[in-house]
Amino acid sequence: RAMVAPLTTLLTQVLQNVILLAGAAIMCFTVSWKLALLSLTVVGPIVVVMDAFARFSKQLNRRIWDSLATANDSANQAFVNIRTIKAFSTELSERDKYDTALHEMIGRAIINAVATSVSYIISEGLELGTMTLILGFGGMMAINHPDQLSVGDL
C-alpha cells in the first residue's frame, strides 16, 4: 500500500487540477473571450522561462549529486583505509579532499538556489503584469462598453 499511495495522490491531484483548469477556462471564455485570450498570452513566456530553468537545473543538480558522491566516496575510502592513512599521517589530506568536494557541492547548490529565485521572480513578474493588463483592459471595457462587460463580471 505504501508504494501505491504516492501514485494515487498524484493522480488525484492531476485530475483535480485538470478539472479546475477546464472549469476556469470555460468560465473565462463565458465572461469575456477577449480577456481570456489576453490572459493566455502569458503562458508562452512562462513556459519558455520554466523550460530553460528546468534544463539548467537538471544539469546543475546532476553536478551537485556528483560532488556529493565524490565527497562520500572520499570519506568511505578514508574509513576503509584508516590504518594506511594513520600510518602515513595523511589525515589532513583526506579531510581536505572531503572538504573540497563538499564546498563544490555547496557552491553549485547556491547557484541552483539563485537560478530558482530568478526563474520564480520572472514567472511571477509575468503573471503580475498579465493580471494588471487584464484588469486594466477589463476596466476599460467595463467603462467604455458596459454592454459587453460589467464591473461585476470583471
N, C-alpha and C. Protein backbone atom coordinates (compact mmCIF):
# COMPACT_ATOMS: atom_id res chain seq x y z
N ARG A 1 0.81 -1.20 0.00
CA ARG A 1 0.00 0.00 0.00
C ARG A 1 0.85 1.25 0.00
N ALA A 2 1.96 1.25 0.73
CA ALA A 2 2.77 2.44 0.87
C ALA A 2 3.38 2.87 -0.47
N MET A 3 3.62 1.91 -1.34
CA MET A 3 4.21 2.25 -2.64
C MET A 3 3.16 2.81 -3.60
N VAL A 4 1.89 2.45 -3.43
CA VAL A 4 0.83 2.89 -4.32
C VAL A 4 0.27 4.25 -3.89
N ALA A 5 0.37 4.57 -2.60
CA ALA A 5 -0.22 5.80 -2.07
C ALA A 5 0.27 7.07 -2.77
N PRO A 6 1.59 7.25 -3.00
CA PRO A 6 2.02 8.46 -3.71
C PRO A 6 1.45 8.56 -5.13
N LEU A 7 1.36 7.43 -5.81
CA LEU A 7 0.82 7.42 -7.16
C LEU A 7 -0.66 7.80 -7.15
N THR A 8 -1.40 7.27 -6.19
CA THR A 8 -2.81 7.60 -6.07
C THR A 8 -2.99 9.09 -5.79
N THR A 9 -2.20 9.61 -4.88
CA THR A 9 -2.26 11.04 -4.55
C THR A 9 -1.94 11.89 -5.76
N LEU A 10 -0.91 11.51 -6.50
CA LEU A 10 -0.51 12.26 -7.68
C LEU A 10 -1.62 12.26 -8.73
N LEU A 11 -2.18 11.10 -9.00
CA LEU A 11 -3.25 11.01 -10.00
C LEU A 11 -4.48 11.81 -9.56
N THR A 12 -4.79 11.79 -8.27
CA THR A 12 -5.92 12.56 -7.76
C THR A 12 -5.68 14.05 -7.95
N GLN A 13 -4.47 14.51 -7.64
CA GLN A 13 -4.16 15.92 -7.80
C GLN A 13 -4.16 16.35 -9.26
N VAL A 14 -3.65 15.50 -10.13
CA VAL A 14 -3.65 15.82 -11.56
C VAL A 14 -5.08 15.94 -12.07
N LEU A 15 -5.91 14.99 -11.73
CA LEU A 15 -7.31 15.02 -12.15
C LEU A 15 -8.02 16.26 -11.60
N GLN A 16 -7.78 16.58 -10.34
CA GLN A 16 -8.36 17.76 -9.72
C GLN A 16 -7.95 19.02 -10.47
N ASN A 17 -6.67 19.15 -10.76
CA ASN A 17 -6.17 20.35 -11.44
C ASN A 17 -6.66 20.45 -12.88
N VAL A 18 -6.80 19.32 -13.57
CA VAL A 18 -7.33 19.35 -14.93
C VAL A 18 -8.79 19.82 -14.93
N ILE A 19 -9.57 19.30 -13.99
CA ILE A 19 -10.98 19.73 -13.90
C ILE A 19 -11.05 21.22 -13.54
N LEU A 20 -10.21 21.66 -12.60
CA LEU A 20 -10.18 23.07 -12.21
C LEU A 20 -9.78 23.95 -13.39
N LEU A 21 -8.78 23.54 -14.15
CA LEU A 21 -8.34 24.30 -15.32
C LEU A 21 -9.43 24.38 -16.37
N ALA A 22 -10.10 23.27 -16.64
CA ALA A 22 -11.17 23.27 -17.64
C ALA A 22 -12.32 24.18 -17.19
N GLY A 23 -12.70 24.09 -15.93
CA GLY A 23 -13.77 24.94 -15.42
C GLY A 23 -13.40 26.41 -15.47
N ALA A 24 -12.17 26.74 -15.10
CA ALA A 24 -11.71 28.13 -15.14
C ALA A 24 -11.67 28.65 -16.57
N ALA A 25 -11.22 27.83 -17.50
CA ALA A 25 -11.17 28.25 -18.90
C ALA A 25 -12.58 28.50 -19.45
N ILE A 26 -13.50 27.61 -19.14
CA ILE A 26 -14.89 27.79 -19.59
C ILE A 26 -15.47 29.07 -19.00
N MET A 27 -15.22 29.29 -17.72
CA MET A 27 -15.74 30.49 -17.07
C MET A 27 -15.13 31.76 -17.68
N CYS A 28 -13.84 31.74 -17.93
CA CYS A 28 -13.17 32.92 -18.52
C CYS A 28 -13.73 33.22 -19.91
N PHE A 29 -13.87 32.21 -20.73
CA PHE A 29 -14.37 32.45 -22.09
C PHE A 29 -15.86 32.83 -22.06
N THR A 30 -16.60 32.37 -21.05
CA THR A 30 -18.01 32.76 -20.93
C THR A 30 -18.13 34.24 -20.57
N VAL A 31 -17.30 34.71 -19.66
CA VAL A 31 -17.36 36.11 -19.21
C VAL A 31 -16.88 37.04 -20.32
N SER A 32 -15.68 36.79 -20.85
CA SER A 32 -15.15 37.64 -21.92
C SER A 32 -14.07 36.88 -22.68
N TRP A 33 -14.34 36.59 -23.93
CA TRP A 33 -13.36 35.86 -24.71
C TRP A 33 -12.12 36.71 -24.97
N LYS A 34 -12.29 38.03 -25.03
CA LYS A 34 -11.13 38.91 -25.26
C LYS A 34 -10.17 38.86 -24.08
N LEU A 35 -10.73 38.94 -22.87
CA LEU A 35 -9.87 38.87 -21.68
C LEU A 35 -9.26 37.47 -21.52
N ALA A 36 -9.99 36.45 -21.89
CA ALA A 36 -9.46 35.09 -21.80
C ALA A 36 -8.26 34.92 -22.73
N LEU A 37 -8.37 35.42 -23.94
CA LEU A 37 -7.24 35.34 -24.87
C LEU A 37 -6.07 36.18 -24.39
N LEU A 38 -6.36 37.33 -23.80
CA LEU A 38 -5.30 38.17 -23.26
C LEU A 38 -4.56 37.46 -22.13
N SER A 39 -5.31 36.73 -21.31
CA SER A 39 -4.67 36.02 -20.20
C SER A 39 -3.80 34.86 -20.69
N LEU A 40 -4.12 34.32 -21.85
CA LEU A 40 -3.32 33.21 -22.39
C LEU A 40 -1.99 33.67 -22.97
N THR A 41 -1.82 34.98 -23.16
CA THR A 41 -0.55 35.47 -23.73
C THR A 41 0.63 35.25 -22.79
N VAL A 42 0.38 35.09 -21.52
CA VAL A 42 1.47 34.89 -20.57
C VAL A 42 1.98 33.46 -20.56
N VAL A 43 1.19 32.54 -21.06
CA VAL A 43 1.56 31.13 -20.99
C VAL A 43 2.86 30.84 -21.76
N GLY A 44 2.98 31.39 -22.95
CA GLY A 44 4.19 31.15 -23.77
C GLY A 44 5.47 31.57 -23.08
N PRO A 45 5.58 32.85 -22.65
CA PRO A 45 6.82 33.26 -21.98
C PRO A 45 7.12 32.48 -20.70
N ILE A 46 6.09 32.14 -19.94
CA ILE A 46 6.34 31.38 -18.71
C ILE A 46 6.85 29.98 -19.04
N VAL A 47 6.29 29.37 -20.06
CA VAL A 47 6.75 28.04 -20.47
C VAL A 47 8.21 28.09 -20.93
N VAL A 48 8.57 29.13 -21.67
CA VAL A 48 9.95 29.28 -22.14
C VAL A 48 10.90 29.44 -20.95
N VAL A 49 10.53 30.29 -20.00
CA VAL A 49 11.38 30.51 -18.82
C VAL A 49 11.52 29.23 -18.01
N MET A 50 10.41 28.54 -17.78
CA MET A 50 10.45 27.31 -16.98
C MET A 50 11.22 26.20 -17.70
N ASP A 51 11.11 26.12 -19.02
CA ASP A 51 11.85 25.12 -19.77
C ASP A 51 13.35 25.37 -19.69
N ALA A 52 13.74 26.63 -19.86
CA ALA A 52 15.17 26.98 -19.77
C ALA A 52 15.70 26.68 -18.37
N PHE A 53 14.92 27.04 -17.36
CA PHE A 53 15.34 26.77 -15.99
C PHE A 53 15.43 25.26 -15.73
N ALA A 54 14.47 24.50 -16.22
CA ALA A 54 14.46 23.05 -15.99
C ALA A 54 15.70 22.39 -16.60
N ARG A 55 16.05 22.81 -17.79
CA ARG A 55 17.25 22.24 -18.43
C ARG A 55 18.51 22.59 -17.65
N PHE A 56 18.62 23.87 -17.26
CA PHE A 56 19.78 24.33 -16.50
C PHE A 56 19.84 23.61 -15.15
N SER A 57 18.71 23.53 -14.48
CA SER A 57 18.65 22.93 -13.15
C SER A 57 18.95 21.43 -13.20
N LYS A 58 18.51 20.77 -14.26
CA LYS A 58 18.77 19.33 -14.38
C LYS A 58 20.26 19.06 -14.44
N GLN A 59 20.98 19.82 -15.26
CA GLN A 59 22.43 19.64 -15.36
C GLN A 59 23.11 19.99 -14.05
N LEU A 60 22.67 21.08 -13.43
CA LEU A 60 23.28 21.52 -12.19
C LEU A 60 23.02 20.53 -11.07
N ASN A 61 21.82 20.00 -10.98
CA ASN A 61 21.52 19.00 -9.95
C ASN A 61 22.33 17.73 -10.15
N ARG A 62 22.56 17.37 -11.39
CA ARG A 62 23.40 16.20 -11.66
C ARG A 62 24.82 16.45 -11.14
N ARG A 63 25.33 17.66 -11.35
CA ARG A 63 26.68 18.00 -10.85
C ARG A 63 26.70 18.06 -9.32
N ILE A 64 25.62 18.54 -8.72
CA ILE A 64 25.54 18.57 -7.25
C ILE A 64 25.62 17.15 -6.69
N TRP A 65 24.85 16.25 -7.28
CA TRP A 65 24.87 14.86 -6.80
C TRP A 65 26.21 14.20 -7.07
N ASP A 66 26.86 14.56 -8.19
CA ASP A 66 28.20 14.03 -8.46
C ASP A 66 29.20 14.50 -7.40
N SER A 67 29.10 15.77 -7.02
CA SER A 67 30.00 16.29 -5.99
C SER A 67 29.76 15.60 -4.66
N LEU A 68 28.50 15.38 -4.33
CA LEU A 68 28.18 14.69 -3.08
C LEU A 68 28.69 13.25 -3.12
N ALA A 69 28.55 12.60 -4.27
CA ALA A 69 29.06 11.23 -4.41
C ALA A 69 30.58 11.20 -4.26
N THR A 70 31.26 12.20 -4.81
CA THR A 70 32.72 12.28 -4.68
C THR A 70 33.11 12.45 -3.22
N ALA A 71 32.39 13.31 -2.49
CA ALA A 71 32.68 13.52 -1.07
C ALA A 71 32.44 12.23 -0.28
N ASN A 72 31.33 11.57 -0.55
CA ASN A 72 31.03 10.32 0.16
C ASN A 72 32.02 9.22 -0.18
N ASP A 73 32.45 9.17 -1.44
CA ASP A 73 33.45 8.19 -1.85
C ASP A 73 34.77 8.43 -1.14
N SER A 74 35.15 9.71 -1.04
CA SER A 74 36.38 10.07 -0.35
C SER A 74 36.32 9.66 1.12
N ALA A 75 35.20 9.95 1.77
CA ALA A 75 35.05 9.58 3.17
C ALA A 75 35.04 8.06 3.34
N ASN A 76 34.36 7.35 2.45
CA ASN A 76 34.29 5.90 2.53
C ASN A 76 35.67 5.27 2.36
N GLN A 77 36.43 5.76 1.40
CA GLN A 77 37.78 5.23 1.19
C GLN A 77 38.67 5.52 2.39
N ALA A 78 38.47 6.69 2.99
CA ALA A 78 39.28 7.03 4.17
C ALA A 78 38.96 6.08 5.32
N PHE A 79 37.68 5.77 5.53
CA PHE A 79 37.32 4.87 6.61
C PHE A 79 37.80 3.45 6.35
N VAL A 80 37.73 3.01 5.10
CA VAL A 80 38.17 1.65 4.76
C VAL A 80 39.68 1.52 4.95
N ASN A 81 40.40 2.56 4.58
CA ASN A 81 41.87 2.52 4.65
C ASN A 81 42.41 3.35 5.81
N ILE A 82 41.74 3.32 6.93
CA ILE A 82 42.12 4.18 8.05
C ILE A 82 43.51 3.83 8.58
N ARG A 83 43.87 2.56 8.57
CA ARG A 83 45.21 2.19 9.07
C ARG A 83 46.31 2.77 8.19
N THR A 84 46.11 2.69 6.88
CA THR A 84 47.11 3.24 5.95
C THR A 84 47.21 4.75 6.11
N ILE A 85 46.08 5.40 6.25
CA ILE A 85 46.05 6.86 6.40
C ILE A 85 46.78 7.26 7.67
N LYS A 86 46.53 6.54 8.76
CA LYS A 86 47.20 6.85 10.02
C LYS A 86 48.70 6.55 9.92
N ALA A 87 49.04 5.46 9.25
CA ALA A 87 50.46 5.08 9.14
C ALA A 87 51.25 6.12 8.38
N PHE A 88 50.66 6.74 7.37
CA PHE A 88 51.37 7.73 6.57
C PHE A 88 51.01 9.17 6.96
N SER A 89 50.22 9.32 7.99
CA SER A 89 49.82 10.65 8.51
C SER A 89 49.21 11.53 7.42
N THR A 90 48.25 10.99 6.69
CA THR A 90 47.59 11.76 5.62
C THR A 90 46.16 12.15 5.98
N GLU A 91 45.90 12.29 7.28
CA GLU A 91 44.55 12.66 7.72
C GLU A 91 44.14 14.01 7.15
N LEU A 92 45.05 14.98 7.19
CA LEU A 92 44.73 16.32 6.69
C LEU A 92 44.44 16.30 5.19
N SER A 93 45.19 15.51 4.47
CA SER A 93 44.97 15.41 3.02
C SER A 93 43.59 14.82 2.72
N GLU A 94 43.21 13.80 3.45
CA GLU A 94 41.89 13.18 3.24
C GLU A 94 40.77 14.13 3.64
N ARG A 95 40.99 14.85 4.72
CA ARG A 95 39.97 15.82 5.14
C ARG A 95 39.84 16.93 4.10
N ASP A 96 40.95 17.37 3.54
CA ASP A 96 40.91 18.41 2.51
C ASP A 96 40.18 17.94 1.25
N LYS A 97 40.37 16.68 0.86
CA LYS A 97 39.65 16.14 -0.29
C LYS A 97 38.14 16.17 -0.04
N TYR A 98 37.75 15.75 1.17
CA TYR A 98 36.33 15.73 1.54
C TYR A 98 35.77 17.16 1.57
N ASP A 99 36.50 18.08 2.19
CA ASP A 99 36.06 19.48 2.28
C ASP A 99 35.93 20.11 0.90
N THR A 100 36.87 19.84 0.02
CA THR A 100 36.82 20.40 -1.34
C THR A 100 35.58 19.93 -2.08
N ALA A 101 35.28 18.64 -1.97
CA ALA A 101 34.09 18.11 -2.64
C ALA A 101 32.81 18.71 -2.05
N LEU A 102 32.77 18.88 -0.73
CA LEU A 102 31.59 19.48 -0.11
C LEU A 102 31.43 20.95 -0.49
N HIS A 103 32.54 21.69 -0.52
CA HIS A 103 32.46 23.10 -0.92
C HIS A 103 32.00 23.24 -2.37
N GLU A 104 32.44 22.33 -3.22
CA GLU A 104 31.99 22.34 -4.61
C GLU A 104 30.49 22.09 -4.69
N MET A 105 30.00 21.13 -3.90
CA MET A 105 28.58 20.82 -3.88
C MET A 105 27.78 22.01 -3.36
N ILE A 106 28.23 22.63 -2.30
CA ILE A 106 27.51 23.77 -1.73
C ILE A 106 27.50 24.94 -2.70
N GLY A 107 28.62 25.18 -3.37
CA GLY A 107 28.66 26.26 -4.37
C GLY A 107 27.66 26.03 -5.49
N ARG A 108 27.57 24.81 -5.94
CA ARG A 108 26.60 24.51 -7.00
C ARG A 108 25.16 24.60 -6.49
N ALA A 109 24.95 24.21 -5.24
CA ALA A 109 23.61 24.30 -4.66
C ALA A 109 23.19 25.76 -4.52
N ILE A 110 24.13 26.64 -4.20
CA ILE A 110 23.83 28.07 -4.11
C ILE A 110 23.47 28.62 -5.48
N ILE A 111 24.21 28.22 -6.51
CA ILE A 111 23.89 28.65 -7.87
C ILE A 111 22.49 28.17 -8.26
N ASN A 112 22.15 26.95 -7.89
CA ASN A 112 20.82 26.41 -8.18
C ASN A 112 19.75 27.21 -7.45
N ALA A 113 20.01 27.58 -6.21
CA ALA A 113 19.04 28.37 -5.44
C ALA A 113 18.84 29.75 -6.06
N VAL A 114 19.92 30.37 -6.50
CA VAL A 114 19.81 31.69 -7.15
C VAL A 114 19.03 31.56 -8.46
N ALA A 115 19.33 30.54 -9.24
CA ALA A 115 18.61 30.33 -10.51
C ALA A 115 17.13 30.07 -10.25
N THR A 116 16.82 29.32 -9.22
CA THR A 116 15.42 29.07 -8.87
C THR A 116 14.72 30.38 -8.51
N SER A 117 15.41 31.21 -7.75
CA SER A 117 14.84 32.51 -7.35
C SER A 117 14.60 33.40 -8.56
N VAL A 118 15.57 33.47 -9.46
CA VAL A 118 15.43 34.31 -10.65
C VAL A 118 14.28 33.81 -11.53
N SER A 119 14.20 32.50 -11.70
CA SER A 119 13.11 31.94 -12.51
C SER A 119 11.76 32.23 -11.87
N TYR A 120 11.68 32.13 -10.55
CA TYR A 120 10.44 32.42 -9.84
C TYR A 120 10.07 33.90 -9.99
N ILE A 121 11.05 34.78 -9.85
CA ILE A 121 10.79 36.22 -9.98
C ILE A 121 10.28 36.55 -11.39
N ILE A 122 10.91 35.97 -12.40
CA ILE A 122 10.48 36.24 -13.78
C ILE A 122 9.06 35.74 -14.02
N SER A 123 8.77 34.50 -13.60
CA SER A 123 7.43 33.97 -13.86
C SER A 123 6.37 34.72 -13.06
N GLU A 124 6.66 35.07 -11.81
CA GLU A 124 5.70 35.83 -11.02
C GLU A 124 5.53 37.23 -11.57
N GLY A 125 6.60 37.83 -12.07
CA GLY A 125 6.50 39.15 -12.69
C GLY A 125 5.63 39.12 -13.94
N LEU A 126 5.79 38.08 -14.74
CA LEU A 126 4.95 37.93 -15.92
C LEU A 126 3.48 37.75 -15.53
N GLU A 127 3.24 36.96 -14.51
CA GLU A 127 1.86 36.75 -14.07
C GLU A 127 1.26 38.04 -13.51
N LEU A 128 2.04 38.78 -12.72
CA LEU A 128 1.55 40.05 -12.17
C LEU A 128 1.28 41.05 -13.29
N GLY A 129 2.19 41.12 -14.25
CA GLY A 129 1.98 42.01 -15.39
C GLY A 129 0.73 41.65 -16.17
N THR A 130 0.51 40.37 -16.36
CA THR A 130 -0.67 39.92 -17.08
C THR A 130 -1.95 40.26 -16.32
N MET A 131 -1.94 40.03 -15.00
CA MET A 131 -3.14 40.37 -14.22
C MET A 131 -3.41 41.87 -14.27
N THR A 132 -2.35 42.67 -14.20
CA THR A 132 -2.52 44.12 -14.28
C THR A 132 -3.09 44.51 -15.64
N LEU A 133 -2.56 43.91 -16.69
CA LEU A 133 -3.04 44.18 -18.04
C LEU A 133 -4.49 43.76 -18.21
N ILE A 134 -4.85 42.60 -17.69
CA ILE A 134 -6.23 42.11 -17.80
C ILE A 134 -7.18 43.02 -17.04
N LEU A 135 -6.80 43.39 -15.81
CA LEU A 135 -7.68 44.27 -15.03
C LEU A 135 -7.80 45.64 -15.68
N GLY A 136 -6.69 46.16 -16.22
CA GLY A 136 -6.75 47.46 -16.90
C GLY A 136 -7.60 47.40 -18.15
N PHE A 137 -7.36 46.40 -18.99
CA PHE A 137 -8.13 46.24 -20.21
C PHE A 137 -9.60 45.94 -19.90
N GLY A 138 -9.82 45.10 -18.89
CA GLY A 138 -11.19 44.79 -18.48
C GLY A 138 -11.90 46.00 -17.92
N GLY A 139 -11.18 46.82 -17.16
CA GLY A 139 -11.77 48.05 -16.64
C GLY A 139 -12.14 49.01 -17.75
N MET A 140 -11.27 49.12 -18.74
CA MET A 140 -11.58 49.98 -19.90
C MET A 140 -12.80 49.44 -20.64
N MET A 141 -12.88 48.12 -20.79
CA MET A 141 -14.04 47.53 -21.47
C MET A 141 -15.32 47.80 -20.67
N ALA A 142 -15.23 47.66 -19.33
CA ALA A 142 -16.41 47.86 -18.49
C ALA A 142 -16.87 49.31 -18.52
N ILE A 143 -15.93 50.24 -18.60
CA ILE A 143 -16.28 51.66 -18.62
C ILE A 143 -16.77 52.08 -20.00
N ASN A 144 -16.05 51.72 -21.04
CA ASN A 144 -16.36 52.16 -22.41
C ASN A 144 -17.48 51.36 -23.07
N HIS A 145 -17.58 50.07 -22.74
CA HIS A 145 -18.60 49.21 -23.38
C HIS A 145 -19.31 48.39 -22.30
N PRO A 146 -20.19 49.03 -21.49
CA PRO A 146 -20.85 48.29 -20.43
C PRO A 146 -21.77 47.17 -20.93
N ASP A 147 -22.13 47.21 -22.21
CA ASP A 147 -22.98 46.15 -22.76
C ASP A 147 -22.19 44.85 -22.96
N GLN A 148 -20.86 44.95 -23.14
CA GLN A 148 -20.03 43.78 -23.35
C GLN A 148 -19.55 43.15 -22.03
N LEU A 149 -19.21 44.01 -21.06
CA LEU A 149 -18.64 43.52 -19.80
C LEU A 149 -19.01 44.49 -18.69
N SER A 150 -19.58 43.96 -17.62
CA SER A 150 -19.92 44.83 -16.49
C SER A 150 -18.81 44.76 -15.43
N VAL A 151 -18.82 45.71 -14.52
CA VAL A 151 -17.83 45.72 -13.45
C VAL A 151 -17.99 44.49 -12.58
N GLY A 152 -19.19 44.04 -12.38
CA GLY A 152 -19.45 42.83 -11.59
C GLY A 152 -18.86 41.58 -12.23
N ASP A 153 -18.92 41.52 -13.56
CA ASP A 153 -18.35 40.35 -14.26
C ASP A 153 -16.83 40.35 -14.19
N LEU A 154 -16.25 41.55 -14.16
CA LEU A 154 -14.80 41.67 -14.15
C LEU A 154 -14.27 41.16 -12.84
